[in-house]
Amino acid sequence: MARTPQIPPSSGDDPAAGSRRRDSGRHPDEPLVTRRDMAGWVGGTARPNTQGRWPGERLGLAQDGPTSMAGWGRRILALLIDWFIAMIVSSVWFEGNPLVTHGIFALMHVLMLSLFGTTVGKRVARIQVVRLGGAMANLFRVTLRTVLLCLVVPPALIDPDGRGLHDRLAGTVEIRM
C-alpha cells in the first residue's frame, strides 16, 4: 500500500505558513479550493436593479395618480383616437390617401404637442407628453419624437420603464394628467 508523503512545515521565509497549514482544519488530501469556495464568485458580480419597483420610478415619476407613467391601455387608446381623426380629415378632403393620412397624423402631433403638450386623443385618455423633469417639450423634441413615432419601429422598442425608443431619444415621457 502506497503512502502519501507528508510535507513538513517550512521553517524558511514564512514561519506562519507552516502554522496556517497545520491549523487550517483540512485533511491533507482535501483540495485547497472547493466548489463551495468558488460558488460565491462563479455567478458574477451582483448587478444593480435595472428595473424600478414601478414603471417610471427610475425617472422620478410617481407610482400612481397624476405625474405617473401612462399605461399601455391609455396610450393605445390615444393613438387610435388620433389616427381615427387623421383618417376622417383625410377621407373628407383628400379621398383617404394613406400618405396624406400619415402626414395629417404627424402634423397634428407636432402642432398640438408643441403648443399644448397633448393631442385630442391624449387629452381624452388624460395623457400629457413632457420632457424628463416635467418641463414642456420644445418643438425640436416633439418633431423628433413624431418622426420616430411615424416610423412605427421605435415605439416597439421599449425599455424597462415602458418608454419607447422615440421617447428615449427625444428625452420625453408620457405621463397621466
N, C-alpha and C. Protein backbone atom coordinates (compact mmCIF):
# COMPACT_ATOMS: atom_id res chain seq x y z
N MET A 1 0.83 -1.16 0.00
CA MET A 1 0.00 0.00 0.00
C MET A 1 0.89 1.23 0.00
N ALA A 2 0.66 2.14 -0.97
CA ALA A 2 1.50 3.34 -1.09
C ALA A 2 1.03 4.38 -0.09
N ARG A 3 1.99 5.04 0.44
CA ARG A 3 1.68 6.04 1.45
C ARG A 3 2.01 7.42 0.90
N THR A 4 1.11 8.40 1.12
CA THR A 4 1.34 9.77 0.66
C THR A 4 2.31 10.44 1.61
N PRO A 5 3.39 11.02 1.06
CA PRO A 5 4.35 11.68 1.94
C PRO A 5 3.77 12.96 2.52
N GLN A 6 4.04 13.22 3.78
CA GLN A 6 3.63 14.44 4.45
C GLN A 6 4.68 15.51 4.25
N ILE A 7 4.23 16.73 3.95
CA ILE A 7 5.15 17.84 3.77
C ILE A 7 5.31 18.52 5.12
N PRO A 8 6.54 18.59 5.60
CA PRO A 8 6.73 19.25 6.89
C PRO A 8 6.57 20.75 6.76
N PRO A 9 6.18 21.40 7.84
CA PRO A 9 6.05 22.85 7.79
C PRO A 9 7.39 23.48 7.46
N SER A 10 7.32 24.54 6.64
CA SER A 10 8.56 25.20 6.26
C SER A 10 9.06 26.04 7.41
N SER A 11 10.33 26.05 7.58
CA SER A 11 10.91 26.86 8.64
C SER A 11 11.71 27.99 8.01
N GLY A 12 11.47 28.23 6.70
CA GLY A 12 12.26 29.21 5.98
C GLY A 12 11.73 30.61 6.12
N ASP A 13 11.33 31.21 5.00
CA ASP A 13 11.00 32.63 4.92
C ASP A 13 9.74 33.00 5.70
N ASP A 14 8.72 32.16 5.68
CA ASP A 14 7.45 32.50 6.30
C ASP A 14 7.15 31.53 7.43
N PRO A 15 7.44 31.89 8.66
CA PRO A 15 7.19 30.96 9.76
C PRO A 15 5.70 30.71 9.99
N ALA A 16 4.83 31.63 9.57
CA ALA A 16 3.40 31.44 9.79
C ALA A 16 2.80 30.46 8.79
N ALA A 17 3.50 30.21 7.66
CA ALA A 17 2.96 29.32 6.64
C ALA A 17 2.75 27.92 7.17
N GLY A 18 3.69 27.43 7.92
CA GLY A 18 3.56 26.09 8.49
C GLY A 18 2.42 26.02 9.47
N SER A 19 2.25 27.05 10.29
CA SER A 19 1.18 27.02 11.27
C SER A 19 -0.18 27.16 10.59
N ARG A 20 -0.26 27.92 9.48
CA ARG A 20 -1.53 28.03 8.75
C ARG A 20 -1.90 26.66 8.19
N ARG A 21 -0.92 25.97 7.66
CA ARG A 21 -1.18 24.67 7.07
C ARG A 21 -1.64 23.69 8.14
N ARG A 22 -1.05 23.75 9.30
CA ARG A 22 -1.42 22.83 10.37
C ARG A 22 -2.75 23.21 11.01
N ASP A 23 -3.06 24.53 11.12
CA ASP A 23 -4.25 24.97 11.81
C ASP A 23 -5.46 25.13 10.91
N SER A 24 -5.35 24.83 9.64
CA SER A 24 -6.45 25.07 8.71
C SER A 24 -7.64 24.15 8.97
N GLY A 25 -7.43 23.04 9.61
CA GLY A 25 -8.52 22.12 9.90
C GLY A 25 -8.86 21.25 8.71
N ARG A 26 -8.11 21.30 7.66
CA ARG A 26 -8.37 20.50 6.46
C ARG A 26 -7.55 19.22 6.54
N HIS A 27 -8.12 18.21 5.93
CA HIS A 27 -7.39 16.97 5.78
C HIS A 27 -6.29 17.20 4.75
N PRO A 28 -5.14 16.61 4.88
CA PRO A 28 -4.04 16.86 3.95
C PRO A 28 -4.38 16.52 2.50
N ASP A 29 -5.30 15.59 2.25
CA ASP A 29 -5.64 15.22 0.88
C ASP A 29 -6.78 16.08 0.31
N GLU A 30 -7.42 16.92 1.12
CA GLU A 30 -8.53 17.76 0.68
C GLU A 30 -7.99 18.91 -0.17
N PRO A 31 -8.68 19.23 -1.29
CA PRO A 31 -8.19 20.33 -2.13
C PRO A 31 -8.26 21.66 -1.39
N LEU A 32 -7.38 22.58 -1.77
CA LEU A 32 -7.35 23.89 -1.12
C LEU A 32 -8.57 24.73 -1.48
N VAL A 33 -9.05 24.57 -2.71
CA VAL A 33 -10.22 25.32 -3.16
C VAL A 33 -11.29 24.32 -3.57
N THR A 34 -12.47 24.45 -2.99
CA THR A 34 -13.57 23.53 -3.29
C THR A 34 -14.62 24.23 -4.12
N ARG A 35 -15.59 23.48 -4.59
CA ARG A 35 -16.69 24.08 -5.34
C ARG A 35 -17.46 25.07 -4.49
N ARG A 36 -17.61 24.78 -3.24
CA ARG A 36 -18.31 25.68 -2.33
C ARG A 36 -17.58 27.01 -2.22
N ASP A 37 -16.24 26.95 -2.19
CA ASP A 37 -15.46 28.18 -2.13
C ASP A 37 -15.66 29.03 -3.38
N MET A 38 -15.78 28.37 -4.52
CA MET A 38 -15.90 29.09 -5.78
C MET A 38 -17.32 29.57 -6.05
N ALA A 39 -18.31 29.02 -5.40
CA ALA A 39 -19.70 29.34 -5.69
C ALA A 39 -20.03 30.80 -5.48
N GLY A 40 -19.31 31.47 -4.62
CA GLY A 40 -19.60 32.87 -4.34
C GLY A 40 -19.30 33.80 -5.50
N TRP A 41 -18.33 33.47 -6.33
CA TRP A 41 -17.98 34.39 -7.40
C TRP A 41 -18.22 33.84 -8.80
N VAL A 42 -18.60 32.58 -8.93
CA VAL A 42 -18.83 32.00 -10.24
C VAL A 42 -20.01 32.66 -10.94
N GLY A 43 -21.05 33.04 -10.22
CA GLY A 43 -22.23 33.64 -10.80
C GLY A 43 -22.01 35.06 -11.29
N GLY A 44 -20.88 35.65 -11.03
CA GLY A 44 -20.61 37.02 -11.45
C GLY A 44 -20.91 37.99 -10.34
N THR A 45 -20.66 39.23 -10.63
CA THR A 45 -20.91 40.26 -9.63
C THR A 45 -22.40 40.58 -9.58
N ALA A 46 -22.81 41.10 -8.47
CA ALA A 46 -24.21 41.47 -8.32
C ALA A 46 -24.50 42.69 -9.20
N ARG A 47 -25.60 42.63 -9.97
CA ARG A 47 -25.98 43.74 -10.83
C ARG A 47 -26.98 44.61 -10.10
N PRO A 48 -26.89 45.92 -10.31
CA PRO A 48 -27.90 46.77 -9.69
C PRO A 48 -29.25 46.52 -10.33
N ASN A 49 -30.29 46.80 -9.59
CA ASN A 49 -31.64 46.61 -10.10
C ASN A 49 -31.89 47.61 -11.22
N THR A 50 -31.97 47.11 -12.47
CA THR A 50 -32.16 47.99 -13.61
C THR A 50 -33.62 48.37 -13.79
N GLN A 51 -34.49 47.68 -13.13
CA GLN A 51 -35.91 47.95 -13.23
C GLN A 51 -36.40 48.46 -11.89
N GLY A 52 -37.14 49.55 -11.92
CA GLY A 52 -37.68 50.09 -10.69
C GLY A 52 -38.81 49.23 -10.15
N ARG A 53 -39.31 49.59 -8.99
CA ARG A 53 -40.44 48.85 -8.42
C ARG A 53 -41.72 49.10 -9.17
N TRP A 54 -41.83 50.24 -9.87
CA TRP A 54 -42.98 50.54 -10.71
C TRP A 54 -42.46 51.27 -11.95
N PRO A 55 -43.23 51.24 -13.03
CA PRO A 55 -42.80 51.93 -14.25
C PRO A 55 -42.63 53.42 -13.98
N GLY A 56 -41.47 53.94 -14.30
CA GLY A 56 -41.19 55.36 -14.12
C GLY A 56 -40.47 55.71 -12.84
N GLU A 57 -40.25 54.76 -11.95
CA GLU A 57 -39.57 55.07 -10.69
C GLU A 57 -38.16 55.59 -10.95
N ARG A 58 -37.45 54.94 -11.88
CA ARG A 58 -36.09 55.37 -12.19
C ARG A 58 -36.06 56.77 -12.80
N LEU A 59 -37.18 57.21 -13.35
CA LEU A 59 -37.27 58.54 -13.96
C LEU A 59 -37.75 59.59 -12.97
N GLY A 60 -38.07 59.17 -11.76
CA GLY A 60 -38.54 60.10 -10.74
C GLY A 60 -40.04 60.35 -10.80
N LEU A 61 -40.78 59.46 -11.45
CA LEU A 61 -42.23 59.64 -11.56
C LEU A 61 -42.94 58.96 -10.40
N ALA A 62 -44.14 59.44 -10.12
CA ALA A 62 -44.95 58.87 -9.05
C ALA A 62 -45.39 57.46 -9.41
N GLN A 63 -45.76 56.70 -8.39
CA GLN A 63 -46.21 55.33 -8.62
C GLN A 63 -47.59 55.30 -9.26
N ASP A 64 -48.50 56.17 -8.82
CA ASP A 64 -49.83 56.25 -9.40
C ASP A 64 -50.35 57.66 -9.28
N GLY A 65 -51.47 57.92 -9.95
CA GLY A 65 -52.05 59.25 -9.94
C GLY A 65 -51.40 60.17 -10.96
N PRO A 66 -51.68 61.47 -10.86
CA PRO A 66 -51.09 62.43 -11.78
C PRO A 66 -49.56 62.38 -11.70
N THR A 67 -48.93 62.61 -12.79
CA THR A 67 -47.46 62.56 -12.98
C THR A 67 -46.89 61.16 -12.87
N SER A 68 -47.73 60.14 -12.93
CA SER A 68 -47.20 58.78 -13.03
C SER A 68 -47.15 58.39 -14.50
N MET A 69 -46.42 57.35 -14.78
CA MET A 69 -46.26 56.88 -16.16
C MET A 69 -47.61 56.44 -16.72
N ALA A 70 -47.92 56.89 -17.94
CA ALA A 70 -49.18 56.49 -18.58
C ALA A 70 -49.10 55.02 -18.97
N GLY A 71 -50.15 54.29 -18.71
CA GLY A 71 -50.19 52.86 -19.02
C GLY A 71 -50.43 52.62 -20.50
N TRP A 72 -50.21 51.37 -20.89
CA TRP A 72 -50.36 50.99 -22.30
C TRP A 72 -51.78 51.16 -22.80
N GLY A 73 -52.77 50.86 -21.99
CA GLY A 73 -54.15 51.00 -22.42
C GLY A 73 -54.48 52.42 -22.82
N ARG A 74 -54.11 53.37 -21.99
CA ARG A 74 -54.35 54.79 -22.29
C ARG A 74 -53.60 55.22 -23.54
N ARG A 75 -52.35 54.78 -23.66
CA ARG A 75 -51.52 55.20 -24.79
C ARG A 75 -52.06 54.66 -26.11
N ILE A 76 -52.52 53.42 -26.12
CA ILE A 76 -53.07 52.84 -27.35
C ILE A 76 -54.41 53.50 -27.69
N LEU A 77 -55.23 53.77 -26.67
CA LEU A 77 -56.49 54.48 -26.90
C LEU A 77 -56.22 55.84 -27.53
N ALA A 78 -55.27 56.58 -27.00
CA ALA A 78 -54.94 57.90 -27.53
C ALA A 78 -54.45 57.81 -28.97
N LEU A 79 -53.61 56.82 -29.25
CA LEU A 79 -53.10 56.63 -30.61
C LEU A 79 -54.23 56.32 -31.59
N LEU A 80 -55.15 55.45 -31.18
CA LEU A 80 -56.28 55.11 -32.05
C LEU A 80 -57.18 56.30 -32.31
N ILE A 81 -57.44 57.10 -31.30
CA ILE A 81 -58.29 58.29 -31.47
C ILE A 81 -57.61 59.28 -32.42
N ASP A 82 -56.33 59.53 -32.22
CA ASP A 82 -55.61 60.46 -33.10
C ASP A 82 -55.56 59.95 -34.53
N TRP A 83 -55.33 58.66 -34.71
CA TRP A 83 -55.30 58.09 -36.05
C TRP A 83 -56.68 58.17 -36.71
N PHE A 84 -57.72 57.92 -35.93
CA PHE A 84 -59.09 58.00 -36.46
C PHE A 84 -59.41 59.42 -36.92
N ILE A 85 -59.00 60.42 -36.17
CA ILE A 85 -59.22 61.82 -36.56
C ILE A 85 -58.48 62.12 -37.86
N ALA A 86 -57.22 61.65 -37.97
CA ALA A 86 -56.44 61.87 -39.19
C ALA A 86 -57.11 61.17 -40.39
N MET A 87 -57.68 59.99 -40.16
CA MET A 87 -58.35 59.27 -41.25
C MET A 87 -59.62 60.01 -41.70
N ILE A 88 -60.36 60.56 -40.76
CA ILE A 88 -61.59 61.29 -41.11
C ILE A 88 -61.24 62.53 -41.94
N VAL A 89 -60.26 63.30 -41.50
CA VAL A 89 -59.85 64.50 -42.25
C VAL A 89 -59.35 64.12 -43.63
N SER A 90 -58.57 63.06 -43.70
CA SER A 90 -58.04 62.61 -44.99
C SER A 90 -59.14 62.11 -45.91
N SER A 91 -60.11 61.42 -45.39
CA SER A 91 -61.17 60.88 -46.24
C SER A 91 -62.13 61.98 -46.71
N VAL A 92 -62.37 62.99 -45.89
CA VAL A 92 -63.28 64.06 -46.27
C VAL A 92 -62.65 64.97 -47.33
N TRP A 93 -61.40 65.38 -47.17
CA TRP A 93 -60.80 66.35 -48.07
C TRP A 93 -59.77 65.77 -49.05
N PHE A 94 -59.24 64.58 -48.79
CA PHE A 94 -58.17 64.06 -49.64
C PHE A 94 -58.43 62.63 -50.12
N GLU A 95 -59.67 62.22 -50.18
CA GLU A 95 -60.10 60.92 -50.68
C GLU A 95 -59.42 59.75 -49.97
N GLY A 96 -59.05 59.93 -48.73
CA GLY A 96 -58.48 58.84 -47.93
C GLY A 96 -57.08 58.41 -48.32
N ASN A 97 -56.31 59.29 -48.95
CA ASN A 97 -54.95 58.97 -49.34
C ASN A 97 -54.13 58.59 -48.10
N PRO A 98 -53.50 57.39 -48.07
CA PRO A 98 -52.76 56.95 -46.88
C PRO A 98 -51.58 57.85 -46.52
N LEU A 99 -50.89 58.38 -47.53
CA LEU A 99 -49.76 59.28 -47.23
C LEU A 99 -50.25 60.58 -46.61
N VAL A 100 -51.37 61.07 -47.09
CA VAL A 100 -51.95 62.29 -46.51
C VAL A 100 -52.42 62.01 -45.08
N THR A 101 -53.00 60.85 -44.86
CA THR A 101 -53.44 60.47 -43.51
C THR A 101 -52.23 60.46 -42.56
N HIS A 102 -51.15 59.87 -43.01
CA HIS A 102 -49.93 59.83 -42.20
C HIS A 102 -49.41 61.25 -41.94
N GLY A 103 -49.43 62.08 -42.97
CA GLY A 103 -48.97 63.47 -42.82
C GLY A 103 -49.84 64.27 -41.86
N ILE A 104 -51.16 64.09 -41.95
CA ILE A 104 -52.08 64.79 -41.04
C ILE A 104 -51.83 64.34 -39.60
N PHE A 105 -51.64 63.03 -39.42
CA PHE A 105 -51.34 62.49 -38.09
C PHE A 105 -50.06 63.14 -37.54
N ALA A 106 -49.02 63.20 -38.36
CA ALA A 106 -47.74 63.78 -37.91
C ALA A 106 -47.89 65.27 -37.63
N LEU A 107 -48.54 66.00 -38.52
CA LEU A 107 -48.73 67.44 -38.33
C LEU A 107 -49.55 67.74 -37.07
N MET A 108 -50.60 66.94 -36.86
CA MET A 108 -51.43 67.10 -35.68
C MET A 108 -50.59 66.90 -34.41
N HIS A 109 -49.73 65.89 -34.41
CA HIS A 109 -48.88 65.64 -33.25
C HIS A 109 -47.88 66.76 -33.02
N VAL A 110 -47.21 67.19 -34.07
CA VAL A 110 -46.20 68.25 -33.90
C VAL A 110 -46.83 69.53 -33.39
N LEU A 111 -47.91 69.96 -34.02
CA LEU A 111 -48.55 71.22 -33.61
C LEU A 111 -49.13 71.15 -32.20
N MET A 112 -49.91 70.13 -31.94
CA MET A 112 -50.61 70.07 -30.66
C MET A 112 -49.66 69.76 -29.49
N LEU A 113 -48.69 68.88 -29.70
CA LEU A 113 -47.76 68.57 -28.60
C LEU A 113 -46.85 69.75 -28.28
N SER A 114 -46.43 70.48 -29.30
CA SER A 114 -45.55 71.62 -29.03
C SER A 114 -46.32 72.79 -28.41
N LEU A 115 -47.61 72.94 -28.74
CA LEU A 115 -48.39 74.04 -28.18
C LEU A 115 -49.04 73.69 -26.84
N PHE A 116 -49.60 72.48 -26.73
CA PHE A 116 -50.39 72.14 -25.54
C PHE A 116 -49.84 70.97 -24.73
N GLY A 117 -48.89 70.22 -25.29
CA GLY A 117 -48.35 69.06 -24.59
C GLY A 117 -49.25 67.83 -24.69
N THR A 118 -50.32 67.93 -25.48
CA THR A 118 -51.25 66.82 -25.63
C THR A 118 -51.96 66.93 -26.98
N THR A 119 -52.49 65.83 -27.46
CA THR A 119 -53.31 65.83 -28.68
C THR A 119 -54.74 65.56 -28.26
N VAL A 120 -55.65 65.52 -29.22
CA VAL A 120 -57.05 65.24 -28.89
C VAL A 120 -57.17 63.86 -28.24
N GLY A 121 -56.54 62.87 -28.85
CA GLY A 121 -56.59 61.51 -28.30
C GLY A 121 -55.94 61.41 -26.94
N LYS A 122 -54.81 62.07 -26.78
CA LYS A 122 -54.13 62.05 -25.48
C LYS A 122 -54.95 62.78 -24.42
N ARG A 123 -55.64 63.84 -24.82
CA ARG A 123 -56.48 64.58 -23.88
C ARG A 123 -57.65 63.71 -23.41
N VAL A 124 -58.26 62.98 -24.33
CA VAL A 124 -59.36 62.08 -23.96
C VAL A 124 -58.85 61.00 -23.01
N ALA A 125 -57.64 60.48 -23.28
CA ALA A 125 -57.06 59.43 -22.44
C ALA A 125 -56.35 60.00 -21.21
N ARG A 126 -56.34 61.32 -21.08
CA ARG A 126 -55.71 62.03 -19.95
C ARG A 126 -54.21 61.74 -19.86
N ILE A 127 -53.53 61.99 -21.00
CA ILE A 127 -52.08 61.80 -21.10
C ILE A 127 -51.46 63.11 -21.55
N GLN A 128 -50.28 63.38 -21.04
CA GLN A 128 -49.52 64.55 -21.46
C GLN A 128 -48.09 64.12 -21.77
N VAL A 129 -47.50 64.71 -22.80
CA VAL A 129 -46.11 64.43 -23.16
C VAL A 129 -45.26 65.57 -22.62
N VAL A 130 -44.29 65.23 -21.76
CA VAL A 130 -43.40 66.22 -21.18
C VAL A 130 -41.96 65.75 -21.30
N ARG A 131 -41.04 66.68 -21.11
CA ARG A 131 -39.63 66.32 -21.04
C ARG A 131 -39.37 65.66 -19.70
N LEU A 132 -38.29 64.92 -19.61
CA LEU A 132 -37.91 64.36 -18.32
C LEU A 132 -37.67 65.52 -17.36
N GLY A 133 -38.25 65.46 -16.22
CA GLY A 133 -38.16 66.55 -15.26
C GLY A 133 -39.45 67.35 -15.19
N GLY A 134 -40.35 67.17 -16.17
CA GLY A 134 -41.65 67.79 -16.10
C GLY A 134 -41.88 69.00 -16.97
N ALA A 135 -40.82 69.58 -17.58
CA ALA A 135 -41.00 70.76 -18.42
C ALA A 135 -41.69 70.37 -19.73
N MET A 136 -42.31 71.33 -20.36
CA MET A 136 -42.98 71.09 -21.63
C MET A 136 -41.93 70.83 -22.71
N ALA A 137 -42.21 69.89 -23.59
CA ALA A 137 -41.28 69.55 -24.67
C ALA A 137 -41.27 70.66 -25.72
N ASN A 138 -40.07 71.01 -26.20
CA ASN A 138 -39.97 72.05 -27.22
C ASN A 138 -40.23 71.49 -28.61
N LEU A 139 -40.27 72.36 -29.62
CA LEU A 139 -40.61 71.97 -30.98
C LEU A 139 -39.64 70.93 -31.54
N PHE A 140 -38.35 71.08 -31.27
CA PHE A 140 -37.37 70.12 -31.78
C PHE A 140 -37.63 68.73 -31.21
N ARG A 141 -37.81 68.62 -29.91
CA ARG A 141 -38.05 67.32 -29.27
C ARG A 141 -39.36 66.69 -29.77
N VAL A 142 -40.38 67.50 -29.91
CA VAL A 142 -41.68 67.00 -30.37
C VAL A 142 -41.57 66.52 -31.82
N THR A 143 -40.87 67.27 -32.66
CA THR A 143 -40.70 66.87 -34.06
C THR A 143 -39.91 65.58 -34.15
N LEU A 144 -38.82 65.47 -33.41
CA LEU A 144 -38.02 64.24 -33.40
C LEU A 144 -38.87 63.06 -32.93
N ARG A 145 -39.61 63.26 -31.87
CA ARG A 145 -40.47 62.20 -31.33
C ARG A 145 -41.50 61.77 -32.35
N THR A 146 -42.12 62.73 -33.03
CA THR A 146 -43.17 62.42 -34.00
C THR A 146 -42.62 61.69 -35.22
N VAL A 147 -41.47 62.13 -35.72
CA VAL A 147 -40.86 61.45 -36.87
C VAL A 147 -40.55 60.00 -36.50
N LEU A 148 -39.98 59.79 -35.34
CA LEU A 148 -39.67 58.42 -34.91
C LEU A 148 -40.93 57.61 -34.66
N LEU A 149 -41.96 58.24 -34.12
CA LEU A 149 -43.24 57.56 -33.90
C LEU A 149 -43.84 57.10 -35.23
N CYS A 150 -43.74 57.94 -36.26
CA CYS A 150 -44.30 57.60 -37.57
C CYS A 150 -43.53 56.47 -38.25
N LEU A 151 -42.30 56.21 -37.82
CA LEU A 151 -41.55 55.09 -38.37
C LEU A 151 -42.04 53.75 -37.82
N VAL A 152 -42.86 53.78 -36.77
CA VAL A 152 -43.52 52.64 -36.14
C VAL A 152 -42.58 51.72 -35.37
N VAL A 153 -41.34 51.54 -35.80
CA VAL A 153 -40.42 50.63 -35.11
C VAL A 153 -40.03 51.15 -33.72
N PRO A 154 -39.67 52.43 -33.55
CA PRO A 154 -39.25 52.88 -32.21
C PRO A 154 -40.25 52.65 -31.09
N PRO A 155 -41.56 52.81 -31.32
CA PRO A 155 -42.47 52.52 -30.21
C PRO A 155 -42.44 51.05 -29.79
N ALA A 156 -42.03 50.16 -30.70
CA ALA A 156 -41.97 48.74 -30.38
C ALA A 156 -40.75 48.39 -29.54
N LEU A 157 -39.74 49.26 -29.54
CA LEU A 157 -38.52 49.02 -28.77
C LEU A 157 -38.64 49.76 -27.44
N ILE A 158 -39.10 49.05 -26.41
CA ILE A 158 -39.36 49.70 -25.14
C ILE A 158 -38.30 49.33 -24.10
N ASP A 159 -38.12 50.20 -23.13
CA ASP A 159 -37.18 49.95 -22.03
C ASP A 159 -37.94 49.42 -20.82
N PRO A 160 -37.25 49.11 -19.73
CA PRO A 160 -37.95 48.56 -18.55
C PRO A 160 -39.02 49.49 -17.97
N ASP A 161 -38.91 50.79 -18.23
CA ASP A 161 -39.93 51.72 -17.73
C ASP A 161 -41.14 51.82 -18.65
N GLY A 162 -41.08 51.21 -19.83
CA GLY A 162 -42.19 51.26 -20.76
C GLY A 162 -42.11 52.40 -21.75
N ARG A 163 -40.99 53.09 -21.80
CA ARG A 163 -40.82 54.17 -22.78
C ARG A 163 -40.30 53.59 -24.08
N GLY A 164 -40.88 54.03 -25.19
CA GLY A 164 -40.41 53.60 -26.50
C GLY A 164 -39.14 54.34 -26.88
N LEU A 165 -38.49 53.85 -27.91
CA LEU A 165 -37.25 54.48 -28.38
C LEU A 165 -37.50 55.92 -28.80
N HIS A 166 -38.67 56.22 -29.36
CA HIS A 166 -38.98 57.59 -29.77
C HIS A 166 -38.99 58.53 -28.57
N ASP A 167 -39.51 58.08 -27.43
CA ASP A 167 -39.50 58.91 -26.22
C ASP A 167 -38.10 59.02 -25.62
N ARG A 168 -37.35 57.93 -25.63
CA ARG A 168 -35.99 57.97 -25.06
C ARG A 168 -35.09 58.91 -25.84
N LEU A 169 -35.13 58.82 -27.18
CA LEU A 169 -34.26 59.69 -27.99
C LEU A 169 -34.68 61.15 -27.92
N ALA A 170 -35.96 61.41 -27.77
CA ALA A 170 -36.43 62.79 -27.66
C ALA A 170 -36.35 63.32 -26.23
N GLY A 171 -36.08 62.44 -25.27
CA GLY A 171 -36.00 62.87 -23.87
C GLY A 171 -37.35 63.22 -23.29
N THR A 172 -38.37 62.52 -23.75
CA THR A 172 -39.74 62.81 -23.29
C THR A 172 -40.33 61.59 -22.61
N VAL A 173 -41.46 61.80 -21.95
CA VAL A 173 -42.18 60.72 -21.29
C VAL A 173 -43.66 61.05 -21.32
N GLU A 174 -44.50 60.03 -21.44
CA GLU A 174 -45.94 60.23 -21.41
C GLU A 174 -46.43 59.98 -19.98
N ILE A 175 -47.02 61.01 -19.39
CA ILE A 175 -47.50 60.91 -18.01
C ILE A 175 -49.01 61.07 -17.97
N ARG A 176 -49.59 60.60 -16.87
CA ARG A 176 -51.03 60.77 -16.64
C ARG A 176 -51.30 62.20 -16.18
N MET A 177 -52.44 62.73 -16.59
CA MET A 177 -52.82 64.08 -16.17
C MET A 177 -53.74 64.01 -14.96
